[in-house]
Amino acid sequence: MRPAGLLLAVLLWACGCAGGRPPGVPLQSIVDGGPGVGPGLSGIAVVVVDGRGERHAEAAGRAVIDADAPARERSMDVDAPARVASVSKLLVALGVMRLVEAGILDLDRDVSDDLGWPLRNPSFPDRPITPRLLLSHRSTLLDDGGYFFPLGATLRGSLVDESWHREHPPGGFFNYTNLNFGVIATVMEKATGERFDRLMMRLVMAPLKLDACFNWSGCSDAAVARAAALYRKSGDGEAWVPSERWAAQIDDLRGQRPDCPVRLASPDAPCDIDRYAPGDNGTLFSPQGGLRISARGLGRVARLLLNEGELDGVRLLRKETVRAMLTPLWREGEAPAGETYGGLMRCYGLSLQCLIGQGDQPLERPVGWFGHMGEAYGLWSGLWIDPAAGRGYVYLVTGTADDPARYPGRHSKFRAFEEAILADLAAR
């Protein structure tokens, strides 16, 4: 290339005018790790969308790592589904709101009416618990007594004294709780007579053309073959040991579906899932975090929210329904009181976080984003929409080489690599 052409190329890259990467930290640099970006990652996929379509998609690192069999290794890509942890809750809420629009569920009706048994905080037996309280984490349920019960157990029989916050009545305290979504999934099953995984396929995945599923139940063979495993650098254990090799924590499928899509009471228990009676135990398919979906798939969900319930000519939800989901139901510093999850949660709606406070701002400038974050088994994920800018941002990090708590962000309670990723995406 002649010098003048080289100068032009550099200028185009710097301003992003030629479709090249705008200023920011390259994804591969974030994967490699270092000062300001974090501990190093196994893999990452990012997507930027607006209401009309996908504007950027990129991946780096590896979806599958196997030092003993390098031929098995695969590069990370934006179509690789991963277990996205608590971002799952956002899609569950879409299913709930479809049932609300159909008149099957009522956000403010006592869920005991659907369950067929009284769901009550023992300290406040006269205070009903509603879908609205469950979706906004104001039910006073806690995870202390467990939130993921095996096949054969019932939700009713699994609730214990430790399952309840006894100092506040339902509606009187915000506490982020996975069990809320096991309860809401049970309510969905009981109200429809359909198993949760199949119900979500009908209500959300099929109309949005998502090759996604809960606990691998309903995903295509192609999605299973593309699966991204989740990792920690720990040798063969769970604790981080950065000097060791990457160890798969979950979903190292090797092209095969799990033998059983739900938790069993013991390794030798039969996986007789077809005998399960919907409405007995909605925690089975991990509604709180068991969604397998790709970054590109989450980008379609972001577009649905940006378009107020419509995607590619298909209207999934009414505009007013999406607006209600984006309306805060709890804010830090306002009644009722609440737990901020280490400062990350300062505002919450109907299963959507809202970023409003000092500690939840991942950029140098203030943002008014809505969405959800996820973290489990080494994964860190996020789906965020910026309604003012008309943009949506998705990232999936499939594992970290060291404990992310050792790499805090500069602007917020997000981790350093999350801030670096989101700053880059928002600069587009």
Protein backbone atom coordinates (compact mmCIF):
# COMPACT_ATOMS: atom_id res chain seq x y z
CA MET A 1 0.00 0.00 0.00
CA ARG A 2 1.31 3.46 -0.87
CA PRO A 3 1.89 5.89 2.02
CA ALA A 4 -1.17 8.02 1.17
CA GLY A 5 -3.36 4.93 1.15
CA LEU A 6 -1.92 3.80 4.43
CA LEU A 7 -2.66 7.17 6.03
CA LEU A 8 -6.24 7.07 4.73
CA ALA A 9 -6.73 3.57 6.12
CA VAL A 10 -5.47 4.65 9.53
CA LEU A 11 -7.80 7.66 9.56
CA LEU A 12 -10.78 5.52 8.54
CA TRP A 13 -9.99 2.99 11.27
CA ALA A 14 -9.68 5.74 13.88
CA CYS A 15 -13.11 7.17 13.13
CA GLY A 16 -14.82 3.85 12.41
CA CYS A 17 -15.79 5.14 8.95
CA ALA A 18 -14.75 2.05 7.04
CA GLY A 19 -16.52 -0.52 9.19
CA GLY A 20 -13.34 -1.16 11.18
CA ARG A 21 -13.09 -1.24 14.94
CA PRO A 22 -13.65 2.20 16.52
CA PRO A 23 -11.47 3.33 19.41
CA GLY A 24 -11.58 0.93 22.33
CA VAL A 25 -9.89 -2.13 23.72
CA PRO A 26 -9.74 -4.93 21.12
CA LEU A 27 -11.57 -8.06 22.19
CA GLN A 28 -8.47 -10.19 21.87
CA SER A 29 -6.66 -7.86 24.29
CA ILE A 30 -9.45 -8.38 26.82
CA VAL A 31 -9.21 -12.14 26.32
CA ASP A 32 -5.45 -11.97 26.86
CA GLY A 33 -5.95 -9.94 30.07
CA GLY A 34 -3.82 -7.30 31.69
CA PRO A 35 -3.97 -4.02 33.63
CA GLY A 36 -7.32 -2.29 33.23
CA VAL A 37 -9.08 -5.18 31.48
CA GLY A 38 -8.95 -8.03 33.96
CA PRO A 39 -7.63 -11.54 34.47
CA GLY A 40 -7.87 -13.00 30.98
CA LEU A 41 -10.85 -14.84 29.55
CA SER A 42 -11.51 -18.18 27.92
CA GLY A 43 -13.87 -16.74 25.33
CA ILE A 44 -16.09 -13.77 24.59
CA ALA A 45 -18.87 -12.91 22.13
CA VAL A 46 -20.43 -9.47 21.69
CA VAL A 47 -23.29 -8.06 19.64
CA VAL A 48 -24.54 -4.51 19.06
CA VAL A 49 -28.03 -3.97 17.66
CA ASP A 50 -30.52 -1.25 16.94
CA GLY A 51 -34.23 -1.59 16.22
CA ARG A 52 -33.64 -2.48 12.59
CA GLY A 53 -31.01 -5.14 12.96
CA GLU A 54 -27.58 -6.26 14.03
CA ARG A 55 -24.90 -3.59 13.70
CA HIS A 56 -21.84 -5.41 15.00
CA ALA A 57 -20.98 -8.97 16.00
CA GLU A 58 -17.59 -10.23 17.10
CA ALA A 59 -15.99 -13.00 19.12
CA ALA A 60 -12.56 -13.94 20.43
CA GLY A 61 -11.02 -16.74 22.44
CA ARG A 62 -12.30 -20.30 22.45
CA ALA A 63 -15.70 -21.94 22.90
CA VAL A 64 -14.12 -25.29 23.72
CA ILE A 65 -10.68 -25.76 25.32
CA ASP A 66 -8.99 -29.13 25.58
CA ALA A 67 -5.23 -29.20 26.10
CA ASP A 68 -5.27 -33.00 25.90
CA ALA A 69 -7.12 -33.10 22.57
CA PRO A 70 -6.42 -29.88 20.61
CA ALA A 71 -8.48 -31.14 17.69
CA ARG A 72 -11.58 -30.72 19.85
CA GLU A 73 -10.94 -27.05 20.45
CA ARG A 74 -13.20 -24.50 18.76
CA SER A 75 -13.00 -20.77 18.42
CA MET A 76 -15.70 -18.74 20.15
CA ASP A 77 -18.36 -17.29 17.84
CA VAL A 78 -21.51 -15.24 18.20
CA ASP A 79 -23.72 -18.22 17.35
CA ALA A 80 -22.35 -20.45 20.12
CA PRO A 81 -25.04 -20.96 22.78
CA ALA A 82 -23.99 -20.78 26.41
CA ARG A 83 -25.69 -20.96 29.78
CA VAL A 84 -26.36 -17.25 30.28
CA ALA A 85 -27.24 -17.44 34.00
CA SER A 86 -29.60 -14.73 35.30
CA VAL A 87 -30.19 -13.13 31.90
CA SER A 88 -32.57 -16.12 31.69
CA LYS A 89 -34.94 -14.27 34.03
CA LEU A 90 -35.60 -11.62 31.40
CA LEU A 91 -36.87 -14.21 28.90
CA VAL A 92 -39.01 -15.88 31.56
CA ALA A 93 -40.63 -12.49 32.13
CA LEU A 94 -41.45 -12.31 28.42
CA GLY A 95 -43.28 -15.61 28.77
CA VAL A 96 -45.12 -14.42 31.86
CA MET A 97 -46.23 -11.22 30.15
CA ARG A 98 -47.56 -13.19 27.18
CA LEU A 99 -49.73 -15.17 29.61
CA VAL A 100 -50.83 -11.91 31.24
CA GLU A 101 -51.86 -10.48 27.88
CA ALA A 102 -53.79 -13.69 27.16
CA GLY A 103 -55.69 -13.32 30.43
CA ILE A 104 -54.24 -16.54 31.85
CA LEU A 105 -52.21 -14.81 34.55
CA ASP A 106 -52.84 -11.58 36.43
CA LEU A 107 -49.83 -9.69 37.77
CA ASP A 108 -51.71 -8.72 40.92
CA ARG A 109 -53.58 -11.94 41.69
CA ASP A 110 -52.53 -14.13 44.60
CA VAL A 111 -50.43 -16.93 43.07
CA SER A 112 -51.97 -19.29 45.61
CA ASP A 113 -55.06 -19.26 43.40
CA ASP A 114 -53.08 -20.83 40.55
CA LEU A 115 -50.86 -23.07 42.70
CA GLY A 116 -53.80 -24.63 44.52
CA TRP A 117 -52.09 -24.22 47.89
CA PRO A 118 -51.28 -21.18 50.04
CA LEU A 119 -47.90 -19.57 49.36
CA ARG A 120 -47.37 -17.37 52.37
CA ASN A 121 -44.51 -15.87 54.34
CA PRO A 122 -45.08 -17.57 57.72
CA SER A 123 -44.57 -14.27 59.53
CA PHE A 124 -47.17 -12.53 57.36
CA PRO A 125 -49.85 -15.14 56.62
CA ASP A 126 -52.40 -12.54 55.52
CA ARG A 127 -50.22 -10.92 52.84
CA PRO A 128 -50.68 -12.41 49.35
CA ILE A 129 -47.77 -12.97 46.98
CA THR A 130 -48.37 -12.01 43.36
CA PRO A 131 -46.53 -12.46 40.04
CA ARG A 132 -45.60 -8.78 40.17
CA LEU A 133 -43.86 -9.27 43.50
CA LEU A 134 -42.07 -12.40 42.26
CA LEU A 135 -40.81 -10.78 39.05
CA SER A 136 -39.57 -7.71 40.93
CA HIS A 137 -37.94 -9.66 43.80
CA ARG A 138 -40.23 -8.21 46.46
CA SER A 139 -41.90 -11.46 47.51
CA THR A 140 -39.65 -11.87 50.61
CA LEU A 141 -38.57 -15.31 49.40
CA LEU A 142 -34.88 -16.14 49.94
CA ASP A 143 -32.44 -18.61 48.41
CA ASP A 144 -31.14 -19.75 51.80
CA GLY A 145 -33.28 -22.89 51.78
CA GLY A 146 -32.41 -23.77 48.18
CA TYR A 147 -33.87 -22.80 44.83
CA PHE A 148 -33.21 -25.78 42.54
CA PHE A 149 -35.05 -28.93 43.60
CA PRO A 150 -34.64 -32.38 42.02
CA LEU A 151 -37.05 -34.47 40.01
CA GLY A 152 -39.51 -36.10 42.39
CA ALA A 153 -39.54 -33.18 44.82
CA THR A 154 -42.36 -30.68 44.94
CA LEU A 155 -42.01 -26.94 45.33
CA ARG A 156 -44.49 -26.93 48.19
CA GLY A 157 -42.61 -29.61 50.07
CA SER A 158 -39.22 -27.98 49.46
CA LEU A 159 -39.95 -24.61 51.06
CA VAL A 160 -38.52 -24.32 54.58
CA ASP A 161 -38.21 -21.62 57.24
CA GLU A 162 -34.94 -20.46 55.62
CA SER A 163 -36.84 -19.77 52.41
CA TRP A 164 -38.35 -16.60 53.89
CA HIS A 165 -37.25 -13.14 54.97
CA ARG A 166 -39.15 -12.94 58.23
CA GLU A 167 -38.61 -9.26 59.07
CA HIS A 168 -40.52 -7.71 56.16
CA PRO A 169 -43.92 -8.42 54.61
CA PRO A 170 -44.31 -9.24 50.90
CA GLY A 171 -43.96 -6.00 48.98
CA GLY A 172 -41.96 -4.46 51.81
CA PHE A 173 -38.40 -5.42 50.86
CA PHE A 174 -36.29 -5.95 47.71
CA ASN A 175 -34.02 -8.98 47.80
CA TYR A 176 -32.70 -10.53 44.60
CA THR A 177 -33.74 -14.19 44.86
CA ASN A 178 -33.47 -17.03 42.35
CA LEU A 179 -36.30 -18.92 44.02
CA ASN A 180 -38.77 -16.29 42.83
CA PHE A 181 -38.38 -17.69 39.33
CA GLY A 182 -38.82 -21.29 40.40
CA VAL A 183 -42.12 -20.19 41.91
CA ILE A 184 -43.20 -18.19 38.86
CA ALA A 185 -42.34 -21.15 36.59
CA THR A 186 -44.50 -23.38 38.79
CA VAL A 187 -47.34 -20.87 38.52
CA MET A 188 -46.94 -20.79 34.72
CA GLU A 189 -47.10 -24.57 34.57
CA LYS A 190 -50.10 -24.81 36.85
CA ALA A 191 -52.02 -22.13 34.95
CA THR A 192 -51.41 -23.71 31.54
CA GLY A 193 -50.90 -27.41 32.23
CA GLU A 194 -47.67 -27.26 30.17
CA ARG A 195 -44.16 -28.14 31.25
CA PHE A 196 -42.00 -25.05 31.62
CA ASP A 197 -39.40 -25.89 28.95
CA ARG A 198 -42.10 -26.59 26.35
CA LEU A 199 -44.16 -23.59 27.40
CA MET A 200 -41.22 -21.23 26.94
CA MET A 201 -40.55 -22.75 23.54
CA ARG A 202 -44.13 -22.00 22.48
CA LEU A 203 -44.41 -18.57 24.05
CA VAL A 204 -40.97 -17.08 23.34
CA MET A 205 -38.40 -19.13 21.44
CA ALA A 206 -40.53 -20.24 18.48
CA PRO A 207 -42.15 -16.87 17.67
CA LEU A 208 -38.79 -15.07 18.00
CA LYS A 209 -37.03 -17.74 15.91
CA LEU A 210 -34.51 -18.43 18.65
CA ASP A 211 -32.59 -21.69 18.68
CA ALA A 212 -32.51 -21.48 22.46
CA CYS A 213 -33.77 -23.61 25.33
CA PHE A 214 -33.64 -24.32 29.04
CA ASN A 215 -31.21 -27.04 30.14
CA TRP A 216 -30.74 -28.10 26.50
CA SER A 217 -34.36 -29.29 26.26
CA GLY A 218 -35.67 -28.22 22.85
CA CYS A 219 -32.48 -26.86 21.29
CA SER A 220 -31.53 -28.22 17.87
CA ASP A 221 -28.73 -30.71 17.33
CA ALA A 222 -26.82 -27.91 15.61
CA ALA A 223 -27.05 -25.75 18.75
CA VAL A 224 -25.79 -28.62 20.89
CA ALA A 225 -22.85 -29.09 18.52
CA ARG A 226 -22.00 -25.35 18.76
CA ALA A 227 -22.24 -25.18 22.57
CA ALA A 228 -19.72 -23.06 24.44
CA ALA A 229 -18.51 -24.64 27.67
CA LEU A 230 -17.98 -22.47 30.75
CA TYR A 231 -14.56 -22.40 32.39
CA ARG A 232 -12.33 -21.36 35.24
CA LYS A 233 -8.57 -21.59 35.34
CA SER A 234 -8.34 -24.06 38.15
CA GLY A 235 -6.82 -27.28 36.92
CA ASP A 236 -9.54 -29.78 37.76
CA GLY A 237 -11.29 -27.89 40.56
CA GLU A 238 -13.69 -24.96 41.05
CA ALA A 239 -11.52 -22.41 42.85
CA TRP A 240 -9.44 -20.12 40.66
CA VAL A 241 -5.78 -21.06 40.28
CA PRO A 242 -4.42 -18.81 37.48
CA SER A 243 -1.28 -20.88 37.05
CA GLU A 244 -3.33 -23.98 36.23
CA ARG A 245 -5.11 -24.83 33.01
CA TRP A 246 -8.69 -24.10 32.01
CA ALA A 247 -11.19 -26.50 33.62
CA ALA A 248 -14.73 -26.87 32.26
CA GLN A 249 -17.39 -26.12 34.87
CA ILE A 250 -20.49 -26.98 32.83
CA ASP A 251 -21.64 -27.79 29.27
CA ASP A 252 -18.53 -29.53 27.98
CA LEU A 253 -20.99 -31.50 25.85
CA ARG A 254 -18.68 -32.99 23.21
CA GLY A 255 -21.59 -32.80 20.78
CA GLN A 256 -23.95 -34.84 22.97
CA ARG A 257 -26.99 -33.71 24.95
CA PRO A 258 -26.92 -34.30 28.70
CA ASP A 259 -28.31 -37.66 29.72
CA CYS A 260 -31.00 -35.88 31.73
CA PRO A 261 -32.06 -32.23 31.37
CA VAL A 262 -33.05 -31.88 35.03
CA ARG A 263 -31.49 -32.44 38.41
CA LEU A 264 -31.94 -35.92 39.90
CA ALA A 265 -32.15 -36.76 43.58
CA SER A 266 -29.22 -39.17 43.15
CA PRO A 267 -26.92 -40.19 40.27
CA ASP A 268 -28.67 -43.53 39.85
CA ALA A 269 -32.23 -42.16 39.98
CA PRO A 270 -34.26 -42.64 36.79
CA CYS A 271 -34.78 -39.62 34.55
CA ASP A 272 -38.51 -40.21 34.14
CA ILE A 273 -39.20 -36.62 33.12
CA ASP A 274 -42.21 -37.59 31.00
CA ARG A 275 -44.00 -38.64 34.18
CA TYR A 276 -43.53 -35.21 35.73
CA ALA A 277 -46.80 -33.40 36.47
CA PRO A 278 -46.53 -29.74 35.40
CA GLY A 279 -47.07 -27.46 38.35
CA ASP A 280 -45.32 -29.65 40.92
CA ASN A 281 -41.81 -28.19 40.71
CA GLY A 282 -41.08 -25.36 38.28
CA THR A 283 -37.44 -25.18 39.39
CA LEU A 284 -36.62 -28.32 37.35
CA PHE A 285 -35.52 -26.59 34.16
CA SER A 286 -33.61 -23.80 35.95
CA PRO A 287 -35.80 -20.82 35.06
CA GLN A 288 -33.52 -18.63 37.19
CA GLY A 289 -30.46 -19.24 35.02
CA GLY A 290 -30.60 -22.32 32.78
CA LEU A 291 -31.26 -20.65 29.43
CA ARG A 292 -28.87 -21.71 26.66
CA ILE A 293 -28.71 -19.04 23.98
CA SER A 294 -26.11 -17.35 21.80
CA ALA A 295 -25.01 -13.72 21.85
CA ARG A 296 -26.70 -13.31 18.48
CA GLY A 297 -29.92 -14.74 19.92
CA LEU A 298 -29.80 -12.32 22.84
CA GLY A 299 -29.32 -9.54 20.31
CA ARG A 300 -32.74 -10.42 18.89
CA VAL A 301 -34.23 -10.12 22.37
CA ALA A 302 -32.60 -6.69 22.75
CA ARG A 303 -34.16 -5.64 19.44
CA LEU A 304 -37.57 -6.85 20.65
CA LEU A 305 -37.30 -4.57 23.68
CA LEU A 306 -36.04 -1.62 21.64
CA ASN A 307 -39.01 -2.06 19.28
CA GLU A 308 -41.45 -2.26 22.21
CA GLY A 309 -42.53 -5.82 21.65
CA GLU A 310 -42.14 -6.30 17.88
CA LEU A 311 -39.39 -8.12 16.01
CA ASP A 312 -39.13 -8.50 12.22
CA GLY A 313 -42.84 -7.94 11.74
CA VAL A 314 -43.88 -10.29 14.56
CA ARG A 315 -45.54 -8.64 17.56
CA LEU A 316 -44.84 -10.69 20.66
CA LEU A 317 -46.06 -8.16 23.23
CA ARG A 318 -48.05 -4.95 23.22
CA LYS A 319 -46.15 -1.68 23.53
CA GLU A 320 -47.70 -0.88 26.88
CA THR A 321 -46.59 -4.27 28.20
CA VAL A 322 -42.94 -3.59 27.37
CA ARG A 323 -43.22 -0.10 28.82
CA ALA A 324 -44.54 -1.63 32.05
CA MET A 325 -41.55 -4.01 32.13
CA LEU A 326 -39.23 -1.01 31.86
CA THR A 327 -40.95 0.87 34.68
CA PRO A 328 -38.93 0.72 37.93
CA LEU A 329 -40.74 -0.94 40.82
CA TRP A 330 -37.90 -0.55 43.31
CA ARG A 331 -35.10 2.01 43.66
CA GLU A 332 -32.38 2.17 46.24
CA GLY A 333 -33.04 4.95 48.73
CA GLU A 334 -36.80 4.84 48.23
CA ALA A 335 -39.42 2.80 50.06
CA PRO A 336 -39.37 -0.12 50.40
CA ALA A 337 -35.88 -0.88 51.65
CA GLY A 338 -33.75 -3.39 49.81
CA GLU A 339 -30.50 -5.29 49.37
CA THR A 340 -28.33 -3.95 46.52
CA TYR A 341 -26.48 -7.19 45.70
CA GLY A 342 -23.11 -5.66 46.52
CA GLY A 343 -24.03 -2.34 44.88
CA LEU A 344 -24.84 -3.80 41.46
CA MET A 345 -28.62 -3.55 41.81
CA ARG A 346 -30.03 -0.16 42.60
CA CYS A 347 -33.16 -0.23 40.46
CA TYR A 348 -35.42 -3.06 39.28
CA GLY A 349 -38.64 -3.48 37.31
CA LEU A 350 -40.47 -6.56 36.02
CA SER A 351 -37.38 -8.75 35.73
CA LEU A 352 -35.38 -5.90 34.21
CA GLN A 353 -32.58 -4.07 35.96
CA CYS A 354 -32.36 -0.32 35.47
CA LEU A 355 -29.00 1.43 35.78
CA ILE A 356 -29.50 4.68 37.65
CA GLY A 357 -27.02 4.96 40.53
CA GLN A 358 -23.35 5.74 40.98
CA GLY A 359 -22.27 2.17 41.55
CA ASP A 360 -24.14 0.68 38.61
CA GLN A 361 -22.74 2.97 35.90
CA PRO A 362 -20.26 0.94 33.79
CA LEU A 363 -19.16 3.90 31.64
CA GLU A 364 -17.47 7.19 32.48
CA ARG A 365 -20.67 8.96 31.48
CA PRO A 366 -24.06 8.31 33.13
CA VAL A 367 -26.27 5.76 31.38
CA GLY A 368 -29.98 5.02 31.64
CA TRP A 369 -29.90 1.42 30.49
CA PHE A 370 -32.29 -1.46 31.10
CA GLY A 371 -31.51 -5.16 30.93
CA HIS A 372 -30.01 -7.91 33.03
CA MET A 373 -26.65 -9.33 34.05
CA GLY A 374 -25.69 -12.93 34.70
CA GLU A 375 -22.89 -14.75 36.53
CA ALA A 376 -22.45 -18.46 37.24
CA TYR A 377 -20.02 -21.34 36.57
CA GLY A 378 -17.37 -18.89 35.38
CA LEU A 379 -19.68 -17.04 32.96
CA TRP A 380 -20.34 -13.31 33.02
CA SER A 381 -23.06 -11.99 30.74
CA GLY A 382 -25.15 -8.94 30.05
CA LEU A 383 -27.99 -7.77 27.86
CA TRP A 384 -28.54 -4.01 27.98
CA ILE A 385 -30.64 -1.60 25.96
CA ASP A 386 -30.18 2.16 25.76
CA PRO A 387 -33.65 3.43 24.79
CA ALA A 388 -32.44 7.01 24.34
CA ALA A 389 -29.77 5.97 21.83
CA GLY A 390 -31.84 3.17 20.31
CA ARG A 391 -29.03 0.65 20.85
CA GLY A 392 -28.69 -2.75 22.48
CA TYR A 393 -25.49 -4.35 23.80
CA VAL A 394 -24.87 -8.04 24.50
CA TYR A 395 -21.80 -9.79 25.86
CA LEU A 396 -21.05 -13.37 26.88
CA VAL A 397 -17.80 -14.10 28.75
CA THR A 398 -17.39 -17.85 29.10
CA GLY A 399 -14.76 -17.94 31.84
CA THR A 400 -12.07 -16.03 33.72
CA ALA A 401 -8.50 -17.01 34.54
CA ASP A 402 -8.70 -15.59 38.07
CA ASP A 403 -11.32 -14.52 40.59
CA PRO A 404 -13.08 -11.52 38.98
CA ALA A 405 -13.50 -9.93 42.42
CA ARG A 406 -9.78 -9.14 42.25
CA TYR A 407 -10.40 -6.98 39.16
CA PRO A 408 -12.99 -4.35 40.09
CA GLY A 409 -14.19 -1.75 37.63
CA ARG A 410 -13.09 1.87 37.78
CA HIS A 411 -16.56 3.41 37.50
CA SER A 412 -18.90 0.87 39.05
CA LYS A 413 -19.41 -2.49 40.71
CA PHE A 414 -19.09 -4.13 37.30
CA ARG A 415 -15.82 -6.00 36.75
CA ALA A 416 -12.95 -4.39 34.85
CA PHE A 417 -13.45 -6.57 31.77
CA GLU A 418 -17.18 -5.78 31.71
CA GLU A 419 -16.46 -2.06 31.78
CA ALA A 420 -13.91 -2.46 28.98
CA ILE A 421 -16.36 -4.46 26.86
CA LEU A 422 -19.29 -2.11 27.40
CA ALA A 423 -17.19 1.01 26.81
CA ASP A 424 -16.11 -0.44 23.48
CA LEU A 425 -19.63 -1.44 22.47
CA ALA A 426 -21.14 1.88 23.49
CA ALA A 427 -18.50 3.74 21.47
CA ARG A 428 -19.91 2.24 18.30
